[in-house]
């Protein structure tokens, strides 16, 4: 597998994980919506998970571009 394929696979994996977080948040919403604290935790947890995946993807993107410059 070449570098481009691996990079695409990583990006696809992060996209799938992001969709998974969204689906789990949707399923949990009915119970969480009964408490403002639970809503905050659900939204905060989902947001931080997606932001974390974006940061990891971005680090791979930066590494790829640095390697291409060499």
PDB file of N, CA and C in Angstrom:
ATOM      1  N   UNK A   1       0.853  -1.172   0.000  1.00  0.00           N
ATOM      2  CA  UNK A   1       0.000   0.000   0.000  1.00  0.00           C
ATOM      3  C   UNK A   1       0.899   1.236   0.000  1.00  0.00           C
ATOM      4  N   UNK A   2       0.659   2.154  -0.914  1.00  0.00           N
ATOM      5  CA  UNK A   2       1.513   3.342  -0.988  1.00  0.00           C
ATOM      6  C   UNK A   2       1.045   4.417   0.003  1.00  0.00           C
ATOM      7  N   UNK A   3       1.835   5.463   0.144  1.00  0.00           N
ATOM      8  CA  UNK A   3       1.553   6.515   1.132  1.00  0.00           C
ATOM      9  C   UNK A   3       0.214   7.200   0.887  1.00  0.00           C
ATOM     10  N   UNK A   4      -0.108   7.429  -0.376  1.00  0.00           N
ATOM     11  CA  UNK A   4      -1.364   8.100  -0.700  1.00  0.00           C
ATOM     12  C   UNK A   4      -2.560   7.258  -0.269  1.00  0.00           C
ATOM     13  N   UNK A   5      -2.486   5.966  -0.496  1.00  0.00           N
ATOM     14  CA  UNK A   5      -3.568   5.064  -0.090  1.00  0.00           C
ATOM     15  C   UNK A   5      -3.703   5.025   1.427  1.00  0.00           C
ATOM     16  N   UNK A   6      -2.560   4.990   2.111  1.00  0.00           N
ATOM     17  CA  UNK A   6      -2.593   4.986   3.580  1.00  0.00           C
ATOM     18  C   UNK A   6      -3.199   6.285   4.113  1.00  0.00           C
ATOM     19  N   UNK A   7      -2.844   7.392   3.490  1.00  0.00           N
ATOM     20  CA  UNK A   7      -3.374   8.683   3.915  1.00  0.00           C
ATOM     21  C   UNK A   7      -4.893   8.727   3.715  1.00  0.00           C
ATOM     22  N   UNK A   8      -5.349   8.226   2.585  1.00  0.00           N
ATOM     23  CA  UNK A   8      -6.789   8.181   2.309  1.00  0.00           C
ATOM     24  C   UNK A   8      -7.496   7.270   3.306  1.00  0.00           C
ATOM     25  N   UNK A   9      -6.882   6.154   3.637  1.00  0.00           N
ATOM     26  CA  UNK A   9      -7.461   5.228   4.610  1.00  0.00           C
ATOM     27  C   UNK A   9      -7.586   5.889   5.981  1.00  0.00           C
ATOM     28  N   UNK A  10      -6.560   6.622   6.400  1.00  0.00           N
ATOM     29  CA  UNK A  10      -6.617   7.330   7.682  1.00  0.00           C
ATOM     30  C   UNK A  10      -7.744   8.359   7.678  1.00  0.00           C
ATOM     31  N   UNK A  11      -7.841   9.131   6.618  1.00  0.00           N
ATOM     32  CA  UNK A  11      -8.899  10.138   6.520  1.00  0.00           C
ATOM     33  C   UNK A  11     -10.285   9.516   6.542  1.00  0.00           C
ATOM     34  N   UNK A  12     -10.431   8.399   5.838  1.00  0.00           N
ATOM     35  CA  UNK A  12     -11.717   7.695   5.822  1.00  0.00           C
ATOM     36  C   UNK A  12     -12.057   7.170   7.212  1.00  0.00           C
ATOM     37  N   UNK A  13     -11.063   6.650   7.900  1.00  0.00           N
ATOM     38  CA  UNK A  13     -11.286   6.156   9.264  1.00  0.00           C
ATOM     39  C   UNK A  13     -11.752   7.257  10.203  1.00  0.00           C
ATOM     40  N   UNK A  14     -11.142   8.433  10.094  1.00  0.00           N
ATOM     41  CA  UNK A  14     -11.563   9.548  10.948  1.00  0.00           C
ATOM     42  C   UNK A  14     -12.962  10.030  10.583  1.00  0.00           C
ATOM     43  N   UNK A  15     -13.297  10.001   9.311  1.00  0.00           N
ATOM     44  CA  UNK A  15     -14.646  10.388   8.892  1.00  0.00           C
ATOM     45  C   UNK A  15     -15.678   9.407   9.440  1.00  0.00           C
ATOM     46  N   UNK A  16     -15.385   8.131   9.365  1.00  0.00           N
ATOM     47  CA  UNK A  16     -16.286   7.110   9.906  1.00  0.00           C
ATOM     48  C   UNK A  16     -16.438   7.288  11.414  1.00  0.00           C
ATOM     49  N   UNK A  17     -15.361   7.559  12.118  1.00  0.00           N
ATOM     50  CA  UNK A  17     -15.431   7.783  13.566  1.00  0.00           C
ATOM     51  C   UNK A  17     -16.278   8.999  13.901  1.00  0.00           C
ATOM     52  N   UNK A  18     -16.164  10.050  13.097  1.00  0.00           N
ATOM     53  CA  UNK A  18     -16.960  11.257  13.321  1.00  0.00           C
ATOM     54  C   UNK A  18     -18.443  10.964  13.134  1.00  0.00           C
ATOM     55  N   UNK A  19     -18.785  10.214  12.100  1.00  0.00           N
ATOM     56  CA  UNK A  19     -20.185   9.832  11.882  1.00  0.00           C
ATOM     57  C   UNK A  19     -20.677   8.974  13.046  1.00  0.00           C
ATOM     58  N   UNK A  20     -19.829   8.083  13.533  1.00  0.00           N
ATOM     59  CA  UNK A  20     -20.184   7.236  14.663  1.00  0.00           C
ATOM     60  C   UNK A  20     -20.511   8.069  15.903  1.00  0.00           C
ATOM     61  N   UNK A  21     -19.686   9.076  16.186  1.00  0.00           N
ATOM     62  CA  UNK A  21     -19.930   9.961  17.329  1.00  0.00           C
ATOM     63  C   UNK A  21     -21.276  10.670  17.169  1.00  0.00           C
ATOM     64  N   UNK A  22     -21.551  11.158  15.968  1.00  0.00           N
ATOM     65  CA  UNK A  22     -22.816  11.849  15.716  1.00  0.00           C
ATOM     66  C   UNK A  22     -24.001  10.907  15.920  1.00  0.00           C
ATOM     67  N   UNK A  23     -23.909   9.682  15.411  1.00  0.00           N
ATOM     68  CA  UNK A  23     -25.002   8.726  15.571  1.00  0.00           C
ATOM     69  C   UNK A  23     -25.240   8.373  17.036  1.00  0.00           C
ATOM     70  N   UNK A  24     -24.158   8.169  17.774  1.00  0.00           N
ATOM     71  CA  UNK A  24     -24.309   7.864  19.206  1.00  0.00           C
ATOM     72  C   UNK A  24     -24.910   9.042  19.969  1.00  0.00           C
ATOM     73  N   UNK A  25     -24.546  10.257  19.594  1.00  0.00           N
ATOM     74  CA  UNK A  25     -25.122  11.439  20.241  1.00  0.00           C
ATOM     75  C   UNK A  25     -26.607  11.551  19.937  1.00  0.00           C
ATOM     76  N   UNK A  26     -26.996  11.254  18.707  1.00  0.00           N
ATOM     77  CA  UNK A  26     -28.415  11.307  18.340  1.00  0.00           C
ATOM     78  C   UNK A  26     -29.225  10.304  19.156  1.00  0.00           C
ATOM     79  N   UNK A  27     -28.700   9.089  19.284  1.00  0.00           N
ATOM     80  CA  UNK A  27     -29.389   8.054  20.046  1.00  0.00           C
ATOM     81  C   UNK A  27     -29.514   8.441  21.520  1.00  0.00           C
ATOM     82  N   UNK A  28     -28.496   9.101  22.053  1.00  0.00           N
ATOM     83  CA  UNK A  28     -28.476   9.481  23.470  1.00  0.00           C
ATOM     84  C   UNK A  28     -29.274  10.741  23.775  1.00  0.00           C
ATOM     85  N   UNK A  29     -29.614  11.491  22.768  1.00  0.00           N
ATOM     86  CA  UNK A  29     -30.217  12.805  22.973  1.00  0.00           C
ATOM     87  C   UNK A  29     -31.506  12.749  23.793  1.00  0.00           C
ATOM     88  N   UNK A  30     -32.364  11.768  23.539  1.00  0.00           N
ATOM     89  CA  UNK A  30     -33.657  11.707  24.222  1.00  0.00           C
ATOM     90  C   UNK A  30     -33.483  11.649  25.739  1.00  0.00           C
ATOM     91  N   UNK A  31     -32.585  10.816  26.208  1.00  0.00           N
ATOM     92  CA  UNK A  31     -32.341  10.720  27.654  1.00  0.00           C
ATOM     93  C   UNK A  31     -31.607  11.949  28.180  1.00  0.00           C
ATOM     94  N   UNK A  32     -30.619  12.407  27.458  1.00  0.00           N
ATOM     95  CA  UNK A  32     -29.804  13.533  27.918  1.00  0.00           C
ATOM     96  C   UNK A  32     -30.595  14.832  27.951  1.00  0.00           C
ATOM     97  N   UNK A  33     -31.556  14.982  27.070  1.00  0.00           N
ATOM     98  CA  UNK A  33     -32.283  16.250  26.982  1.00  0.00           C
ATOM     99  C   UNK A  33     -33.112  16.562  28.220  1.00  0.00           C
ATOM    100  N   UNK A  34     -33.234  15.615  29.119  1.00  0.00           N
ATOM    101  CA  UNK A  34     -34.002  15.829  30.350  1.00  0.00           C
ATOM    102  C   UNK A  34     -33.202  16.572  31.415  1.00  0.00           C
ATOM    103  N   UNK A  35     -31.907  16.720  31.209  1.00  0.00           N
ATOM    104  CA  UNK A  35     -31.053  17.380  32.192  1.00  0.00           C
ATOM    105  C   UNK A  35     -30.048  18.295  31.479  1.00  0.00           C
ATOM    106  N   UNK A  36     -30.015  19.574  31.875  1.00  0.00           N
ATOM    107  CA  UNK A  36     -29.046  20.480  31.245  1.00  0.00           C
ATOM    108  C   UNK A  36     -27.595  20.007  31.404  1.00  0.00           C
ATOM    109  N   UNK A  37     -27.278  19.406  32.528  1.00  0.00           N
ATOM    110  CA  UNK A  37     -25.921  18.900  32.738  1.00  0.00           C
ATOM    111  C   UNK A  37     -25.594  17.779  31.753  1.00  0.00           C
ATOM    112  N   UNK A  38     -26.547  16.869  31.555  1.00  0.00           N
ATOM    113  CA  UNK A  38     -26.331  15.774  30.611  1.00  0.00           C
ATOM    114  C   UNK A  38     -26.225  16.280  29.172  1.00  0.00           C
ATOM    115  N   UNK A  39     -27.000  17.297  28.844  1.00  0.00           N
ATOM    116  CA  UNK A  39     -26.907  17.894  27.509  1.00  0.00           C
ATOM    117  C   UNK A  39     -25.509  18.476  27.304  1.00  0.00           C
ATOM    118  N   UNK A  40     -25.031  19.202  28.308  1.00  0.00           N
ATOM    119  CA  UNK A  40     -23.696  19.798  28.217  1.00  0.00           C
ATOM    120  C   UNK A  40     -22.622  18.708  28.074  1.00  0.00           C
ATOM    121  N   UNK A  41     -22.747  17.645  28.845  1.00  0.00           N
ATOM    122  CA  UNK A  41     -21.777  16.549  28.767  1.00  0.00           C
ATOM    123  C   UNK A  41     -21.838  15.848  27.415  1.00  0.00           C
ATOM    124  N   UNK A  42     -23.040  15.616  26.925  1.00  0.00           N
ATOM    125  CA  UNK A  42     -23.187  14.950  25.636  1.00  0.00           C
ATOM    126  C   UNK A  42     -22.604  15.802  24.512  1.00  0.00           C
ATOM    127  N   UNK A  43     -22.979  17.058  24.469  1.00  0.00           N
ATOM    128  CA  UNK A  43     -22.464  17.945  23.417  1.00  0.00           C
ATOM    129  C   UNK A  43     -20.961  18.169  23.555  1.00  0.00           C
ATOM    130  N   UNK A  44     -20.507  18.370  24.797  1.00  0.00           N
ATOM    131  CA  UNK A  44     -19.077  18.559  25.033  1.00  0.00           C
ATOM    132  C   UNK A  44     -18.270  17.328  24.668  1.00  0.00           C
ATOM    133  N   UNK A  45     -18.765  16.160  25.030  1.00  0.00           N
ATOM    134  CA  UNK A  45     -18.072  14.917  24.703  1.00  0.00           C
ATOM    135  C   UNK A  45     -18.010  14.667  23.207  1.00  0.00           C
ATOM    136  N   UNK A  46     -19.133  14.876  22.541  1.00  0.00           N
ATOM    137  CA  UNK A  46     -19.161  14.679  21.085  1.00  0.00           C
ATOM    138  C   UNK A  46     -18.238  15.682  20.392  1.00  0.00           C
ATOM    139  N   UNK A  47     -18.297  16.929  20.825  1.00  0.00           N
ATOM    140  CA  UNK A  47     -17.476  17.975  20.197  1.00  0.00           C
ATOM    141  C   UNK A  47     -15.988  17.707  20.418  1.00  0.00           C
ATOM    142  N   UNK A  48     -15.601  17.361  21.627  1.00  0.00           N
ATOM    143  CA  UNK A  48     -14.180  17.117  21.882  1.00  0.00           C
ATOM    144  C   UNK A  48     -13.675  15.883  21.136  1.00  0.00           C
ATOM    145  N   UNK A  49     -14.520  14.891  20.983  1.00  0.00           N
ATOM    146  CA  UNK A  49     -14.131  13.705  20.224  1.00  0.00           C
ATOM    147  C   UNK A  49     -13.878  14.058  18.762  1.00  0.00           C
ATOM    148  N   UNK A  50     -14.782  14.810  18.171  1.00  0.00           N
ATOM    149  CA  UNK A  50     -14.625  15.213  16.771  1.00  0.00           C
ATOM    150  C   UNK A  50     -13.418  16.137  16.608  1.00  0.00           C
ATOM    151  N   UNK A  51     -13.237  17.065  17.526  1.00  0.00           N
ATOM    152  CA  UNK A  51     -12.085  17.974  17.459  1.00  0.00           C
ATOM    153  C   UNK A  51     -10.782  17.187  17.587  1.00  0.00           C
ATOM    154  N   UNK A  52     -10.755  16.209  18.481  1.00  0.00           N
ATOM    155  CA  UNK A  52      -9.567  15.369  18.636  1.00  0.00           C
ATOM    156  C   UNK A  52      -9.242  14.595  17.374  1.00  0.00           C
ATOM    157  N   UNK A  53     -10.267  14.037  16.735  1.00  0.00           N
ATOM    158  CA  UNK A  53     -10.039  13.317  15.479  1.00  0.00           C
ATOM    159  C   UNK A  53      -9.560  14.268  14.389  1.00  0.00           C
ATOM    160  N   UNK A  54     -10.105  15.483  14.358  1.00  0.00           N
ATOM    161  CA  UNK A  54      -9.662  16.463  13.376  1.00  0.00           C
ATOM    162  C   UNK A  54      -8.196  16.827  13.594  1.00  0.00           C
ATOM    163  N   UNK A  55      -7.800  16.992  14.842  1.00  0.00           N
ATOM    164  CA  UNK A  55      -6.405  17.326  15.142  1.00  0.00           C
ATOM    165  C   UNK A  55      -5.463  16.205  14.708  1.00  0.00           C
ATOM    166  N   UNK A  56      -5.852  14.969  14.950  1.00  0.00           N
ATOM    167  CA  UNK A  56      -5.009  13.848  14.525  1.00  0.00           C
ATOM    168  C   UNK A  56      -4.928  13.788  13.008  1.00  0.00           C
ATOM    169  N   UNK A  57      -6.057  13.980  12.324  1.00  0.00           N
ATOM    170  CA  UNK A  57      -6.048  13.977  10.860  1.00  0.00           C
ATOM    171  C   UNK A  57      -5.168  15.111  10.343  1.00  0.00           C
ATOM    172  N   UNK A  58      -5.296  16.290  10.960  1.00  0.00           N
ATOM    173  CA  UNK A  58      -4.505  17.441  10.536  1.00  0.00           C
ATOM    174  C   UNK A  58      -3.013  17.178  10.722  1.00  0.00           C
ATOM    175  N   UNK A  59      -2.647  16.498  11.792  1.00  0.00           N
ATOM    176  CA  UNK A  59      -1.229  16.182  11.999  1.00  0.00           C
ATOM    177  C   UNK A  59      -0.710  15.265  10.892  1.00  0.00           C
ATOM    178  N   UNK A  60      -1.507  14.307  10.470  1.00  0.00           N
ATOM    179  CA  UNK A  60      -1.106  13.449   9.350  1.00  0.00           C
ATOM    180  C   UNK A  60      -0.981  14.259   8.065  1.00  0.00           C
ATOM    181  N   UNK A  61      -1.909  15.175   7.860  1.00  0.00           N
ATOM    182  CA  UNK A  61      -1.877  16.024   6.665  1.00  0.00           C
ATOM    183  C   UNK A  61      -0.606  16.877   6.645  1.00  0.00           C
ATOM    184  N   UNK A  62      -0.247  17.441   7.769  1.00  0.00           N
ATOM    185  CA  UNK A  62       0.968  18.263   7.864  1.00  0.00           C
ATOM    186  C   UNK A  62       2.204  17.410   7.607  1.00  0.00           C
ATOM    187  N   UNK A  63       2.252  16.218   8.223  1.00  0.00           N
ATOM    188  CA  UNK A  63       3.386  15.318   8.001  1.00  0.00           C
ATOM    189  C   UNK A  63       3.507  14.941   6.529  1.00  0.00           C
ATOM    190  N   UNK A  64       2.375  14.647   5.896  1.00  0.00           N
ATOM    191  CA  UNK A  64       2.393  14.279   4.480  1.00  0.00           C
ATOM    192  C   UNK A  64       2.954  15.413   3.633  1.00  0.00           C
ATOM    193  N   UNK A  65       2.529  16.620   3.890  1.00  0.00           N
ATOM    194  CA  UNK A  65       3.010  17.761   3.107  1.00  0.00           C
ATOM    195  C   UNK A  65       4.496  18.025   3.349  1.00  0.00           C
ATOM    196  N   UNK A  66       4.934  17.829   4.589  1.00  0.00           N
ATOM    197  CA  UNK A  66       6.358  18.004   4.884  1.00  0.00           C
ATOM    198  C   UNK A  66       7.197  16.964   4.153  1.00  0.00           C
ATOM    199  N   UNK A  67       6.711  15.729   4.098  1.00  0.00           N
ATOM    200  CA  UNK A  67       7.436  14.673   3.397  1.00  0.00           C
ATOM    201  C   UNK A  67       7.465  14.941   1.890  1.00  0.00           C
ATOM    202  N   UNK A  68       6.383  15.479   1.358  1.00  0.00           N
ATOM    203  CA  UNK A  68       6.336  15.786  -0.085  1.00  0.00           C
ATOM    204  C   UNK A  68       7.315  16.893  -0.463  1.00  0.00           C
ATOM    205  N   UNK A  69       7.595  17.793   0.466  1.00  0.00           N
ATOM    206  CA  UNK A  69       8.533  18.891   0.202  1.00  0.00           C
ATOM    207  C   UNK A  69       9.976  18.409   0.159  1.00  0.00           C
ATOM    208  N   UNK A  70      10.242  17.307   0.839  1.00  0.00           N
ATOM    209  CA  UNK A  70      11.620  16.776   0.910  1.00  0.00           C
ATOM    210  C   UNK A  70      12.032  16.119  -0.366  1.00  0.00           C
TER     211      UNK A  70
END
